[in-house]
Structure formats: structure tokens, C-alpha cells
Amino acid sequence: MARPSTIFKRSTNLLLQHIAKDMKTGDVLPTEHRMAELGQGSRTAIRSVLGYFHERGLIGNLKERRLLRKPMRSDYFDVGELQSGAEQIRQVLMERIYQSDMPPGAEFSEAELARAAGVSTISVREFLIGFSSSGLIEKKPRGGWRLCAFDRSFAMELADVRQMFEFAAIEHFAKLAPTDAAVAKVDELIARHEKLGSVMPRQHKDFPALDRDFHTFLIDLLNNRFAQGFYDIVSLVFHYHYQWDKDEELARNQYAVQEHLAILRALARRDFAGARKAMRTHLDSSRSTLLQSIRARELKVHPN
């Protein structure tokens, strides 16, 4: 079974506390926007919490979200498992890049990140210094931080490592029992991809958050701390770097939704050869479009 993220656990506990205190059986849960405020997480994280509530029998279905029973002690995650300061900072940084459309070269301060994460500037500084070793952010000479651009060599080396992890995830999924919670998660991801695909192109900018959930699901199957930390770097390089090239963003997102669905549907029917083939197609496509975005950046920086 995939290991739930600490972000997910924290949001789950906060929402369970709200339900226990302020709701009664038969009530409909608040909107996703309100739950994101209550759970101190993104709407993407809240959708994962709703899936957990449905699995536990707390709500009847994901559309109506009517409360069937009050929370029990066993519904909560152990406090000792909850998110560390570093994980909270990482999550806030990633979400700011998503939501603020921050391309490579964008600048940010320790103070604003500390406020958003609810931690001290010392904690933020320690995290950023450590994360800067990846080469994805750098300290400005007169204060503040900057997102970095990446060259072809860096990106291609990362693509090779990403490929190893994600093919390993498929092999791990193949060994799971049909009753494992990860199998139900595949059905949830299929439904979310189909829903987003049905409202393309109008809502194509919702894709990056779903993309992260899809690939994080695969990486979490490995239950490997090194693989999980590695995916933050993948997210920045493969997805945020695309922001240099906006011309093909819609088409790129539309293709990726269908490529994800091909992988997920193969997993759902336990066609692992088909899943590997679909994954190969997706990774090759991702590698190709990343190279195009790097080329677009190089042309903008050095037009001649």
C-alpha cells in the first residue's frame, strides 16, 4: 500500500476535528475551497482527503459528500506521523510556484515563505540552503532567492532516473493484492483525469496539480524516502520549466491527460505490459516536450 503523505495526514486530522466539533450526521461537507482553508492544504490535497473519507465510510459518495457518521479515534492519524517543518515549507514553495505561475528566474523571499508555511524564517533559511544543493534555487547576493533554469544535461540525467523510479512503481503495483487501497486510488485518479479531460481546454491550467498527484501516487508506491524526495526535483524541472514555453501549454496538457489515462486504465485492468508501454510513451513525450521548452528558453535568452 502506498504511504500517505504527511500533508494529507495533517489536513485529514484538521478536517476530522472540524466535523467532530461543528457537524452532525446527515450534513453536507463544506465546499472544497472552505475545506482547503480548514485543512490548511491545497484543494488537490483535500480531494485526497475526501477519497479517504469515502473509503472509511464517513461520507456516502464523492459528489454529494453527505456525512454518514461522526469520526472515531481510528479515523485520525497519529500525531507523531504529521508533517515536519521542512515538509510544510516544501509544500508551500511548490504550491506557490503552481498557483503564482512562477517561471525560472522568479524571485521570492524567506519572510513571505515563512508566513505562508507558518514557520520561522530560520527554518525556511535552513530548508532553502539544503534544497539549493539540487541546483534548482539559488541565493541572491543581496538577499532573497531565485528559481534557476536548467540545462539539457541536467534535465536528461534527471529523466533517466525518473524513468527507473516510475517503471519500478509499475512493477510494485503488479504485486499488490486487488484489495489494496492503491488499487482504489487508481479508480479515483481515472475519474479525476476523465473529469478534467471533459472540461478541456477551459480548465487545462488545472492539470499541473493533477499531474503531480498522478506521479506522486506512483512514487509513493515504492515507499522509498529517496524516491519521494527526488520527485520534488522532477516537478520543478519537468513541469515548472515548461512555463518558459506557453505557446504549446494547452496541447501539452491535453496530450498528457490522455497519456496518464492510458497508464491508469491499464493498471486498473491489470494489464501491466500495457501499462509499461503506455508509461514509455508518456516518458518519451515528456522528455521531448521538455527539450522543446529548454530550446524555447534558450531562444528567448539568446535570440541570435
Protein backbone atom coordinates (compact mmCIF):
# COMPACT_ATOMS: atom_id res chain seq x y z
CA MET A 1 0.00 0.00 0.00
CA ALA A 2 1.29 3.49 -0.85
CA ARG A 3 2.35 5.51 2.18
CA PRO A 4 0.10 8.57 2.72
CA SER A 5 1.91 11.90 2.69
CA THR A 6 2.23 13.92 5.87
CA ILE A 7 0.44 16.84 4.16
CA PHE A 8 -2.53 14.56 3.58
CA LYS A 9 -2.48 13.29 7.18
CA ARG A 10 -2.40 16.78 8.65
CA SER A 11 -5.30 18.01 6.50
CA THR A 12 -7.27 14.86 7.33
CA ASN A 13 -6.90 15.36 11.08
CA LEU A 14 -7.85 19.05 10.89
CA LEU A 15 -11.00 18.29 8.88
CA LEU A 16 -11.94 15.42 11.19
CA GLN A 17 -11.67 17.85 14.12
CA HIS A 18 -14.00 20.27 12.33
CA ILE A 19 -16.51 17.52 11.56
CA ALA A 20 -16.46 16.24 15.13
CA LYS A 21 -16.99 19.70 16.60
CA ASP A 22 -19.23 21.52 14.14
CA MET A 23 -21.16 18.98 12.05
CA LYS A 24 -23.79 16.32 12.63
CA THR A 25 -24.68 13.14 10.77
CA GLY A 26 -26.57 13.96 7.56
CA ASP A 27 -24.86 17.33 7.00
CA VAL A 28 -23.13 18.00 3.69
CA LEU A 29 -19.43 18.78 3.92
CA PRO A 30 -18.33 22.36 3.06
CA THR A 31 -17.05 23.37 -0.36
CA GLU A 32 -13.55 22.31 -1.42
CA HIS A 33 -12.42 25.91 -1.05
CA ARG A 34 -13.66 26.07 2.55
CA MET A 35 -12.22 22.66 3.38
CA ALA A 36 -8.85 23.77 1.98
CA GLU A 37 -8.94 26.63 4.50
CA LEU A 38 -9.98 24.35 7.36
CA GLY A 39 -7.44 21.67 6.42
CA GLN A 40 -4.65 24.17 5.71
CA GLY A 41 -3.88 22.47 2.42
CA SER A 42 -4.43 22.73 -1.31
CA ARG A 43 -7.68 21.72 -3.00
CA THR A 44 -5.74 18.84 -4.53
CA ALA A 45 -4.86 17.58 -1.04
CA ILE A 46 -8.49 17.98 0.05
CA ARG A 47 -9.67 15.77 -2.81
CA SER A 48 -7.38 13.03 -1.49
CA VAL A 49 -8.85 13.53 1.98
CA LEU A 50 -12.36 13.17 0.57
CA GLY A 51 -11.33 9.90 -1.04
CA TYR A 52 -10.11 8.72 2.36
CA PHE A 53 -13.40 9.76 3.99
CA HIS A 54 -15.31 7.80 1.36
CA GLU A 55 -13.16 4.68 1.88
CA ARG A 56 -13.69 4.91 5.65
CA GLY A 57 -17.45 5.24 5.28
CA LEU A 58 -17.58 8.79 6.65
CA ILE A 59 -19.31 10.15 3.53
CA GLY A 60 -21.70 8.46 1.15
CA ASN A 61 -20.15 9.45 -2.17
CA LEU A 62 -17.63 11.91 -3.54
CA LYS A 63 -20.20 14.01 -5.38
CA GLU A 64 -22.76 14.69 -2.63
CA ARG A 65 -20.30 14.37 0.32
CA ARG A 66 -23.01 13.85 2.94
CA LEU A 67 -21.74 12.82 6.38
CA LEU A 68 -22.82 9.27 7.29
CA ARG A 69 -21.26 9.07 10.74
CA LYS A 70 -19.17 11.04 13.21
CA PRO A 71 -15.39 10.46 13.30
CA MET A 72 -13.91 7.74 15.50
CA ARG A 73 -10.44 7.67 17.07
CA SER A 74 -9.31 5.14 14.45
CA ASP A 75 -10.06 7.65 11.64
CA TYR A 76 -7.33 10.02 12.83
CA PHE A 77 -3.65 9.71 12.00
CA ASP A 78 -1.14 9.53 14.84
CA VAL A 79 0.19 12.97 15.78
CA GLY A 80 3.75 11.66 15.60
CA GLU A 81 3.28 10.97 11.87
CA LEU A 82 2.37 14.53 10.99
CA GLN A 83 4.30 16.89 8.81
CA SER A 84 7.68 18.28 9.72
CA GLY A 85 8.52 21.94 9.25
CA ALA A 86 10.70 21.14 6.24
CA GLU A 87 7.90 19.23 4.52
CA GLN A 88 5.49 22.08 5.14
CA ILE A 89 7.91 24.59 3.63
CA ARG A 90 8.46 22.35 0.62
CA GLN A 91 4.72 22.02 0.03
CA VAL A 92 4.13 25.77 0.26
CA LEU A 93 7.01 26.51 -2.12
CA MET A 94 5.67 24.03 -4.67
CA GLU A 95 2.13 25.36 -4.44
CA ARG A 96 3.31 28.96 -4.81
CA ILE A 97 5.12 28.04 -8.00
CA TYR A 98 1.98 26.33 -9.30
CA GLN A 99 -0.52 28.99 -8.31
CA SER A 100 1.59 32.10 -8.94
CA ASP A 101 2.83 30.91 -12.33
CA MET A 102 6.46 31.44 -11.28
CA PRO A 103 8.88 30.62 -14.13
CA PRO A 104 12.62 30.03 -13.81
CA GLY A 105 14.19 33.32 -12.80
CA ALA A 106 11.32 34.31 -10.47
CA GLU A 107 12.39 35.61 -7.07
CA PHE A 108 10.95 35.10 -3.59
CA SER A 109 11.89 35.95 0.00
CA GLU A 110 12.40 33.89 3.12
CA ALA A 111 9.92 36.07 5.03
CA GLU A 112 6.99 35.53 2.66
CA LEU A 113 7.64 31.78 2.53
CA ALA A 114 7.83 31.63 6.33
CA ARG A 115 4.49 33.45 6.67
CA ALA A 116 2.79 31.14 4.19
CA ALA A 117 4.19 27.99 5.83
CA GLY A 118 3.59 29.16 9.40
CA VAL A 119 7.20 28.56 10.44
CA SER A 120 10.18 30.71 11.41
CA THR A 121 12.46 32.38 8.89
CA ILE A 122 15.32 30.37 10.41
CA SER A 123 13.53 27.14 9.47
CA VAL A 124 12.93 28.46 5.96
CA ARG A 125 16.56 29.52 5.56
CA GLU A 126 17.81 26.10 6.67
CA PHE A 127 15.46 24.35 4.25
CA LEU A 128 16.37 26.58 1.30
CA ILE A 129 20.10 26.20 1.92
CA GLY A 130 19.69 22.43 1.87
CA PHE A 131 17.38 22.44 -1.16
CA SER A 132 19.76 24.73 -3.06
CA SER A 133 22.19 21.81 -3.39
CA SER A 134 19.84 20.44 -6.07
CA GLY A 135 20.69 23.42 -8.27
CA LEU A 136 17.02 24.38 -8.63
CA ILE A 137 17.17 27.52 -6.48
CA GLU A 138 19.97 29.95 -5.68
CA LYS A 139 20.65 32.66 -3.10
CA LYS A 140 20.75 36.19 -4.46
CA PRO A 141 23.84 38.24 -3.48
CA ARG A 142 21.78 40.95 -1.74
CA GLY A 143 19.15 38.72 -0.17
CA GLY A 144 16.22 36.66 -1.37
CA TRP A 145 16.14 33.58 -3.55
CA ARG A 146 15.71 32.83 -7.24
CA LEU A 147 14.36 29.83 -9.17
CA CYS A 148 17.02 28.57 -11.58
CA ALA A 149 16.87 27.49 -15.18
CA PHE A 150 18.25 24.07 -16.09
CA ASP A 151 20.45 22.94 -18.96
CA ARG A 152 19.87 19.94 -21.22
CA SER A 153 22.40 17.74 -19.47
CA PHE A 154 20.80 18.25 -16.05
CA ALA A 155 17.32 17.59 -17.43
CA MET A 156 18.26 14.44 -19.33
CA GLU A 157 20.11 12.91 -16.40
CA LEU A 158 17.02 13.55 -14.29
CA ALA A 159 14.80 11.97 -16.95
CA ASP A 160 16.85 8.79 -16.82
CA VAL A 161 16.49 8.49 -13.04
CA ARG A 162 12.79 9.32 -13.21
CA GLN A 163 12.31 6.51 -15.70
CA MET A 164 13.85 3.97 -13.34
CA PHE A 165 11.60 5.01 -10.46
CA GLU A 166 8.34 5.07 -12.40
CA PHE A 167 8.86 1.73 -14.14
CA ALA A 168 9.75 0.28 -10.72
CA ALA A 169 6.45 1.67 -9.42
CA ILE A 170 4.51 -0.27 -12.06
CA GLU A 171 6.34 -3.45 -11.07
CA HIS A 172 5.48 -2.79 -7.42
CA PHE A 173 1.81 -2.19 -8.26
CA ALA A 174 1.70 -5.52 -10.08
CA LYS A 175 2.48 -7.28 -6.79
CA LEU A 176 -0.36 -5.65 -4.83
CA ALA A 177 -3.48 -7.53 -3.85
CA PRO A 178 -6.69 -6.42 -5.62
CA THR A 179 -7.99 -5.24 -2.24
CA ASP A 180 -5.06 -2.88 -1.61
CA ALA A 181 -6.03 0.78 -1.15
CA ALA A 182 -3.68 1.74 -4.01
CA VAL A 183 -5.97 -0.12 -6.42
CA ALA A 184 -8.92 2.05 -5.35
CA LYS A 185 -6.69 5.11 -5.76
CA VAL A 186 -6.23 4.20 -9.43
CA ASP A 187 -10.00 4.35 -9.94
CA GLU A 188 -10.11 7.75 -8.23
CA LEU A 189 -7.32 9.08 -10.45
CA ILE A 190 -9.07 7.77 -13.57
CA ALA A 191 -12.25 9.62 -12.56
CA ARG A 192 -10.34 12.85 -11.93
CA HIS A 193 -8.49 12.64 -15.25
CA GLU A 194 -11.72 11.93 -17.13
CA LYS A 195 -13.39 14.88 -15.40
CA LEU A 196 -10.55 17.25 -16.30
CA GLY A 197 -10.44 15.92 -19.84
CA SER A 198 -14.12 16.69 -20.23
CA VAL A 199 -13.60 20.39 -19.45
CA MET A 200 -10.52 20.91 -21.59
CA PRO A 201 -9.42 23.38 -22.87
CA ARG A 202 -11.23 25.72 -20.49
CA GLN A 203 -9.58 24.32 -17.35
CA HIS A 204 -6.32 23.00 -18.76
CA LYS A 205 -4.33 25.01 -16.19
CA ASP A 206 -5.69 22.67 -13.50
CA PHE A 207 -3.52 19.94 -14.99
CA PRO A 208 -0.20 20.55 -13.16
CA ALA A 209 -1.71 19.80 -9.74
CA LEU A 210 -3.34 16.62 -11.06
CA ASP A 211 -0.10 15.68 -12.80
CA ARG A 212 1.77 15.94 -9.52
CA ASP A 213 -0.84 13.75 -7.78
CA PHE A 214 -0.53 11.14 -10.54
CA HIS A 215 3.24 10.89 -10.40
CA THR A 216 3.38 11.22 -6.61
CA PHE A 217 0.98 8.26 -6.41
CA LEU A 218 3.39 6.19 -8.47
CA ILE A 219 6.45 7.25 -6.48
CA ASP A 220 4.67 6.64 -3.15
CA LEU A 221 4.09 3.02 -4.22
CA LEU A 222 7.81 2.46 -3.73
CA ASN A 223 7.64 3.61 -0.09
CA ASN A 224 11.17 4.91 -0.56
CA ARG A 225 12.19 8.20 1.07
CA PHE A 226 14.85 8.87 -1.56
CA ALA A 227 12.38 8.43 -4.40
CA GLN A 228 9.85 10.70 -2.69
CA GLY A 229 12.36 13.49 -2.13
CA PHE A 230 13.59 13.12 -5.69
CA TYR A 231 10.15 13.85 -7.13
CA ASP A 232 10.21 17.47 -5.93
CA ILE A 233 13.14 18.00 -8.27
CA VAL A 234 11.27 16.23 -11.09
CA SER A 235 8.27 18.51 -10.59
CA LEU A 236 10.33 21.65 -10.93
CA VAL A 237 12.32 20.52 -13.94
CA PHE A 238 9.60 18.78 -15.95
CA HIS A 239 6.62 20.96 -15.14
CA TYR A 240 7.66 24.40 -13.96
CA HIS A 241 10.32 24.62 -16.66
CA TYR A 242 7.55 24.39 -19.26
CA GLN A 243 6.48 27.87 -18.19
CA TRP A 244 9.17 29.26 -20.46
CA ASP A 245 7.13 27.99 -23.41
CA LYS A 246 3.47 28.97 -23.10
CA ASP A 247 2.62 28.56 -26.79
CA GLU A 248 2.13 24.79 -26.56
CA GLU A 249 0.83 24.61 -22.99
CA LEU A 250 -2.76 23.68 -23.84
CA ALA A 251 -1.85 20.95 -26.31
CA ARG A 252 0.81 19.61 -23.96
CA ASN A 253 -1.67 19.32 -21.08
CA GLN A 254 -4.34 17.72 -23.25
CA TYR A 255 -1.92 15.06 -24.51
CA ALA A 256 -0.62 14.36 -21.02
CA VAL A 257 -4.12 13.77 -19.60
CA GLN A 258 -4.73 11.10 -22.24
CA GLU A 259 -1.30 9.55 -21.67
CA HIS A 260 -1.98 9.33 -17.94
CA LEU A 261 -5.35 7.72 -18.61
CA ALA A 262 -3.73 5.07 -20.81
CA ILE A 263 -1.40 4.13 -17.93
CA LEU A 264 -4.12 4.19 -15.28
CA ARG A 265 -6.63 2.18 -17.30
CA ALA A 266 -4.01 -0.46 -18.00
CA LEU A 267 -3.21 -0.66 -14.27
CA ALA A 268 -6.93 -0.91 -13.44
CA ARG A 269 -7.40 -3.91 -15.73
CA ARG A 270 -4.07 -5.38 -14.51
CA ASP A 271 -2.53 -5.20 -17.95
CA PHE A 272 0.99 -4.49 -16.79
CA ALA A 273 2.60 -4.94 -20.18
CA GLY A 274 0.16 -2.32 -21.48
CA ALA A 275 0.94 -0.06 -18.51
CA ARG A 276 4.67 -0.28 -19.22
CA LYS A 277 4.10 0.51 -22.90
CA ALA A 278 1.89 3.49 -22.03
CA MET A 279 4.46 4.69 -19.49
CA ARG A 280 7.18 4.51 -22.13
CA THR A 281 5.06 6.65 -24.45
CA HIS A 282 4.43 9.19 -21.70
CA LEU A 283 8.04 9.46 -20.57
CA ASP A 284 9.28 9.80 -24.15
CA SER A 285 6.71 12.52 -24.79
CA SER A 286 7.63 14.30 -21.57
CA ARG A 287 11.32 14.18 -22.43
CA SER A 288 10.65 15.55 -25.92
CA THR A 289 8.49 18.45 -24.75
CA LEU A 290 10.98 19.32 -22.02
CA LEU A 291 13.72 19.63 -24.63
CA GLN A 292 11.43 21.89 -26.67
CA SER A 293 10.80 24.13 -23.66
CA ILE A 294 14.52 24.39 -22.93
CA ARG A 295 15.09 25.34 -26.56
CA ALA A 296 12.35 27.99 -26.28
CA ARG A 297 14.06 29.46 -23.21
CA GLU A 298 17.44 29.47 -24.92
CA LEU A 299 15.97 31.35 -27.89
CA LYS A 300 14.42 33.97 -25.61
CA VAL A 301 17.65 34.46 -23.67
CA HIS A 302 19.90 34.32 -26.76
CA PRO A 303 17.67 35.15 -29.78
CA ASN A 304 20.61 35.19 -32.16
